[in-house]
Amino acid sequence: MAPVDELRTLMAIALAGLLLLLRLDAPRFSSAEYDVETTDGPEAAGSIGALLTRAAWPVMALALTAGVAVLLPAGRPAIGLAPDTILSGSTIVWAVIGSLVGVGAVLAVARLRDPTWPPRLVPADQSPRLAFDAISTAIVDELTFRGVLLGLLLLAGVPTAIAFVAQLALYGLETRLGRYVATLGLLTEALALGALTGLLALATGGVVAPLVAHAVIRFAALDVAEALPPVMPRRLA
């Protein structure tokens, strides 16, 4: 009979696999900002049922991550959820730095693609939808890739550089496969975002800083990208 700790570790790995499948299955929940629109029209997209379906995506990610934290013998610190990293000064500083770097990159790209300055933004009444999309996707992505996956790889003794590249490659692959429209430009954006948040995770030892930065950057990208001319991809995944 396998030792208890070994069984718990295997169960935690199984839940990590479900997290990866959940990210790949975003379209089923009409989740991630690139799947907001539905064939049933905007009314259906904004209905209570549709909102609950979309909200189920990050809620399930939180539940699966909690399961990994409980089952994994190394506990929450192994997947970037150590209590002392959540509101530490280092976490706050790196979250601000990461957000500023990412938003600066978004504005720079927008400036290159459209000479209008300051950049045009979407109507204010659409901001709550964009904020929801940004936060929910950041929760799923950071818990899955910069939390559980990166943490398990490091816990298994994989060198930091290899673990970083592995989580980044899988993140790029999953976000690309999970899209109805996948372009090289969108893949590049996803990899850039994943690289930045991965570095934040390694710098702070937690997922809070990358999660905050991811949400801020994604909101800025959506706010700007949706207001740009159609020649620019209108979704950041």
Protein backbone atom coordinates (compact mmCIF):
# COMPACT_ATOMS: atom_id res chain seq x y z
CA MET A 1 0.00 0.00 0.00
CA ALA A 2 1.36 3.41 -0.98
CA PRO A 3 2.31 5.81 1.83
CA VAL A 4 -0.30 8.43 2.72
CA ASP A 5 1.91 11.31 1.57
CA GLU A 6 2.47 9.66 -1.79
CA LEU A 7 -1.26 9.19 -2.30
CA ARG A 8 -1.94 12.79 -1.37
CA THR A 9 0.70 13.98 -3.81
CA LEU A 10 -0.77 11.89 -6.63
CA MET A 11 -4.24 13.25 -5.88
CA ALA A 12 -2.87 16.81 -5.92
CA ILE A 13 -1.25 16.16 -9.30
CA ALA A 14 -4.58 14.83 -10.59
CA LEU A 15 -6.30 18.04 -9.52
CA ALA A 16 -3.54 20.01 -11.23
CA GLY A 17 -4.37 18.12 -14.42
CA LEU A 18 -8.01 19.13 -14.03
CA LEU A 19 -6.90 22.75 -13.70
CA LEU A 20 -5.08 22.51 -17.01
CA LEU A 21 -8.16 21.01 -18.65
CA LEU A 22 -10.31 23.75 -17.13
CA ARG A 23 -8.15 26.45 -18.74
CA LEU A 24 -8.33 24.69 -22.08
CA ASP A 25 -12.11 24.40 -21.74
CA ALA A 26 -12.72 28.14 -21.28
CA PRO A 27 -15.05 28.37 -24.32
CA ARG A 28 -17.48 25.93 -22.67
CA PHE A 29 -17.97 28.50 -19.89
CA SER A 30 -18.02 31.41 -22.37
CA SER A 31 -15.09 32.56 -20.28
CA ALA A 32 -11.87 34.39 -21.04
CA GLU A 33 -12.56 37.68 -22.73
CA TYR A 34 -12.30 36.36 -26.26
CA ASP A 35 -15.43 34.24 -25.76
CA VAL A 36 -17.74 36.91 -24.33
CA GLU A 37 -19.91 37.18 -27.42
CA THR A 38 -22.35 34.37 -28.13
CA THR A 39 -24.32 33.38 -31.18
CA ASP A 40 -27.51 34.13 -29.25
CA GLY A 41 -26.86 37.85 -29.17
CA PRO A 42 -25.75 40.37 -26.54
CA GLU A 43 -28.87 39.86 -24.45
CA ALA A 44 -28.03 36.21 -23.95
CA ALA A 45 -24.41 37.09 -23.20
CA GLY A 46 -25.57 39.37 -20.38
CA SER A 47 -28.28 37.13 -18.95
CA ILE A 48 -28.12 35.84 -15.39
CA GLY A 49 -27.58 32.29 -16.60
CA ALA A 50 -24.70 33.33 -18.85
CA LEU A 51 -23.08 35.36 -16.07
CA LEU A 52 -23.34 32.44 -13.64
CA THR A 53 -21.83 30.12 -16.23
CA ARG A 54 -18.91 32.46 -16.77
CA ALA A 55 -18.44 32.99 -13.03
CA ALA A 56 -18.25 29.22 -12.54
CA TRP A 57 -14.92 29.18 -14.39
CA PRO A 58 -12.78 31.07 -11.83
CA VAL A 59 -14.77 29.55 -8.94
CA MET A 60 -13.87 26.05 -10.12
CA ALA A 61 -10.24 27.10 -10.49
CA LEU A 62 -10.24 28.38 -6.91
CA ALA A 63 -11.81 25.14 -5.67
CA LEU A 64 -9.31 22.94 -7.50
CA THR A 65 -6.39 25.04 -6.28
CA ALA A 66 -7.69 24.79 -2.72
CA GLY A 67 -7.83 21.02 -3.16
CA VAL A 68 -4.21 20.95 -4.30
CA ALA A 69 -3.17 23.09 -1.32
CA VAL A 70 -4.94 20.77 1.11
CA LEU A 71 -3.72 17.51 -0.41
CA LEU A 72 -0.14 18.45 -1.19
CA PRO A 73 2.06 17.56 1.80
CA ALA A 74 4.15 20.70 1.24
CA GLY A 75 0.97 22.77 1.57
CA ARG A 76 0.14 26.26 0.33
CA PRO A 77 3.73 27.61 0.21
CA ALA A 78 4.61 25.08 -2.51
CA ILE A 79 2.07 26.59 -4.91
CA GLY A 80 2.70 30.25 -4.13
CA LEU A 81 0.03 30.74 -1.50
CA ALA A 82 2.15 31.15 1.62
CA PRO A 83 0.40 33.57 4.03
CA ASP A 84 3.53 35.69 4.46
CA THR A 85 3.69 36.44 0.72
CA ILE A 86 0.08 37.53 0.24
CA LEU A 87 0.26 41.08 1.62
CA SER A 88 3.99 41.51 2.11
CA GLY A 89 5.74 44.71 1.14
CA SER A 90 7.69 42.86 -1.55
CA THR A 91 4.49 41.52 -3.07
CA ILE A 92 2.91 44.96 -3.24
CA VAL A 93 6.02 46.56 -4.74
CA TRP A 94 6.42 43.87 -7.41
CA ALA A 95 2.70 43.95 -8.23
CA VAL A 96 2.94 47.70 -8.87
CA ILE A 97 6.13 47.35 -10.91
CA GLY A 98 4.70 44.52 -12.99
CA SER A 99 1.47 46.41 -13.61
CA LEU A 100 3.31 49.56 -14.71
CA VAL A 101 5.60 47.62 -17.04
CA GLY A 102 2.70 45.74 -18.60
CA VAL A 103 0.41 48.74 -19.00
CA GLY A 104 3.31 50.71 -20.46
CA ALA A 105 3.82 47.96 -23.05
CA VAL A 106 0.09 47.96 -23.87
CA LEU A 107 0.11 51.73 -24.43
CA ALA A 108 3.27 51.52 -26.53
CA VAL A 109 1.74 48.89 -28.80
CA ALA A 110 -1.48 50.89 -29.07
CA ARG A 111 0.54 53.97 -30.03
CA LEU A 112 2.27 52.04 -32.79
CA ARG A 113 -0.98 50.65 -34.14
CA ASP A 114 -3.03 53.82 -33.95
CA PRO A 115 -1.58 57.38 -33.95
CA THR A 116 -4.52 58.67 -31.91
CA TRP A 117 -3.29 59.90 -28.53
CA PRO A 118 -4.35 59.52 -25.86
CA PRO A 119 -5.61 56.10 -26.93
CA ARG A 120 -9.31 55.64 -27.43
CA LEU A 121 -11.06 53.58 -24.78
CA VAL A 122 -14.26 51.58 -24.80
CA PRO A 123 -17.43 53.21 -23.43
CA ALA A 124 -17.52 53.39 -19.64
CA ASP A 125 -20.58 51.15 -19.42
CA GLN A 126 -18.49 48.28 -20.77
CA SER A 127 -15.83 48.59 -18.08
CA PRO A 128 -17.52 46.21 -15.61
CA ARG A 129 -17.58 43.46 -18.26
CA LEU A 130 -13.92 44.03 -19.09
CA ALA A 131 -12.98 44.07 -15.40
CA PHE A 132 -14.81 40.79 -14.82
CA ASP A 133 -13.08 39.18 -17.79
CA ALA A 134 -9.67 40.46 -16.71
CA ILE A 135 -10.00 39.34 -13.10
CA SER A 136 -11.52 35.93 -13.80
CA THR A 137 -8.93 35.07 -16.45
CA ALA A 138 -6.11 36.29 -14.24
CA ILE A 139 -7.35 34.07 -11.40
CA VAL A 140 -7.47 30.96 -13.58
CA ASP A 141 -4.20 31.60 -15.39
CA GLU A 142 -2.08 32.54 -12.40
CA LEU A 143 -3.38 29.85 -10.07
CA THR A 144 -2.94 27.22 -12.78
CA PHE A 145 0.37 28.13 -14.36
CA ARG A 146 2.33 30.40 -12.00
CA GLY A 147 0.90 28.75 -8.89
CA VAL A 148 0.15 25.05 -9.15
CA LEU A 149 2.12 24.06 -12.26
CA LEU A 150 5.25 26.09 -11.53
CA GLY A 151 5.09 25.10 -7.87
CA LEU A 152 4.82 21.38 -8.61
CA LEU A 153 7.71 21.53 -11.06
CA LEU A 154 9.94 23.28 -8.54
CA LEU A 155 8.81 20.90 -5.81
CA ALA A 156 9.82 17.98 -8.04
CA GLY A 157 13.33 19.38 -8.25
CA VAL A 158 13.13 20.76 -11.78
CA PRO A 159 15.68 23.58 -12.23
CA THR A 160 14.08 27.01 -11.96
CA ALA A 161 14.89 28.05 -15.53
CA ILE A 162 13.46 24.85 -17.00
CA ALA A 163 10.35 25.05 -14.80
CA PHE A 164 9.83 28.66 -15.91
CA VAL A 165 10.11 27.79 -19.60
CA ALA A 166 7.89 24.72 -19.20
CA GLN A 167 5.02 26.60 -17.57
CA LEU A 168 5.36 29.40 -20.13
CA ALA A 169 5.31 27.01 -23.10
CA LEU A 170 2.28 25.16 -21.77
CA TYR A 171 0.54 28.46 -21.05
CA GLY A 172 1.10 29.65 -24.59
CA LEU A 173 -0.08 26.33 -26.00
CA GLU A 174 -3.24 26.21 -23.89
CA THR A 175 -4.26 29.80 -24.51
CA ARG A 176 -3.72 29.30 -28.25
CA LEU A 177 -5.61 25.99 -28.47
CA GLY A 178 -8.45 27.40 -26.38
CA ARG A 179 -9.22 30.12 -28.91
CA TYR A 180 -11.56 30.16 -31.86
CA VAL A 181 -9.21 32.63 -33.56
CA ALA A 182 -5.51 32.21 -32.79
CA THR A 183 -2.91 34.42 -34.44
CA LEU A 184 0.84 34.68 -34.01
CA GLY A 185 0.37 38.17 -32.60
CA LEU A 186 -2.01 36.95 -29.91
CA LEU A 187 0.34 34.08 -29.06
CA THR A 188 3.18 36.58 -28.68
CA GLU A 189 1.05 38.71 -26.37
CA ALA A 190 0.17 35.68 -24.27
CA LEU A 191 3.80 34.59 -23.98
CA ALA A 192 4.91 38.10 -23.05
CA LEU A 193 2.27 38.29 -20.33
CA GLY A 194 3.12 34.80 -19.09
CA ALA A 195 6.84 35.62 -18.99
CA LEU A 196 6.25 38.79 -16.98
CA THR A 197 3.94 37.17 -14.44
CA GLY A 198 6.22 34.14 -14.22
CA LEU A 199 9.12 36.39 -13.27
CA LEU A 200 6.91 38.11 -10.69
CA ALA A 201 6.02 34.72 -9.21
CA LEU A 202 9.68 33.77 -8.91
CA ALA A 203 10.62 37.17 -7.49
CA THR A 204 7.97 37.10 -4.76
CA GLY A 205 7.55 33.37 -4.17
CA GLY A 206 3.79 33.76 -4.52
CA VAL A 207 0.95 34.21 -6.99
CA VAL A 208 -0.59 37.39 -5.62
CA ALA A 209 1.74 39.84 -7.37
CA PRO A 210 1.44 38.11 -10.77
CA LEU A 211 -2.33 37.79 -10.35
CA VAL A 212 -2.78 41.50 -9.62
CA ALA A 213 -0.46 42.54 -12.44
CA HIS A 214 -2.14 40.13 -14.85
CA ALA A 215 -5.59 41.53 -14.10
CA VAL A 216 -4.47 45.16 -14.43
CA ILE A 217 -2.58 44.54 -17.68
CA ARG A 218 -5.39 42.50 -19.21
CA PHE A 219 -7.97 45.15 -18.34
CA ALA A 220 -5.82 47.85 -19.91
CA ALA A 221 -5.25 45.73 -23.01
CA LEU A 222 -8.95 45.01 -23.45
CA ASP A 223 -9.93 48.63 -22.79
CA VAL A 224 -7.53 49.84 -25.47
CA ALA A 225 -7.71 46.97 -27.98
CA GLU A 226 -11.50 46.99 -28.25
CA ALA A 227 -11.47 50.68 -29.13
CA LEU A 228 -8.78 50.37 -31.79
CA PRO A 229 -9.57 49.95 -35.48
CA PRO A 230 -10.48 46.39 -36.53
CA VAL A 231 -7.06 45.82 -38.11
CA MET A 232 -5.73 45.10 -34.64
CA PRO A 233 -6.72 41.80 -32.96
CA ARG A 234 -9.59 42.71 -30.67
CA ARG A 235 -8.97 40.14 -27.98
CA LEU A 236 -6.02 39.45 -25.70
CA ALA A 237 -5.88 35.87 -24.47
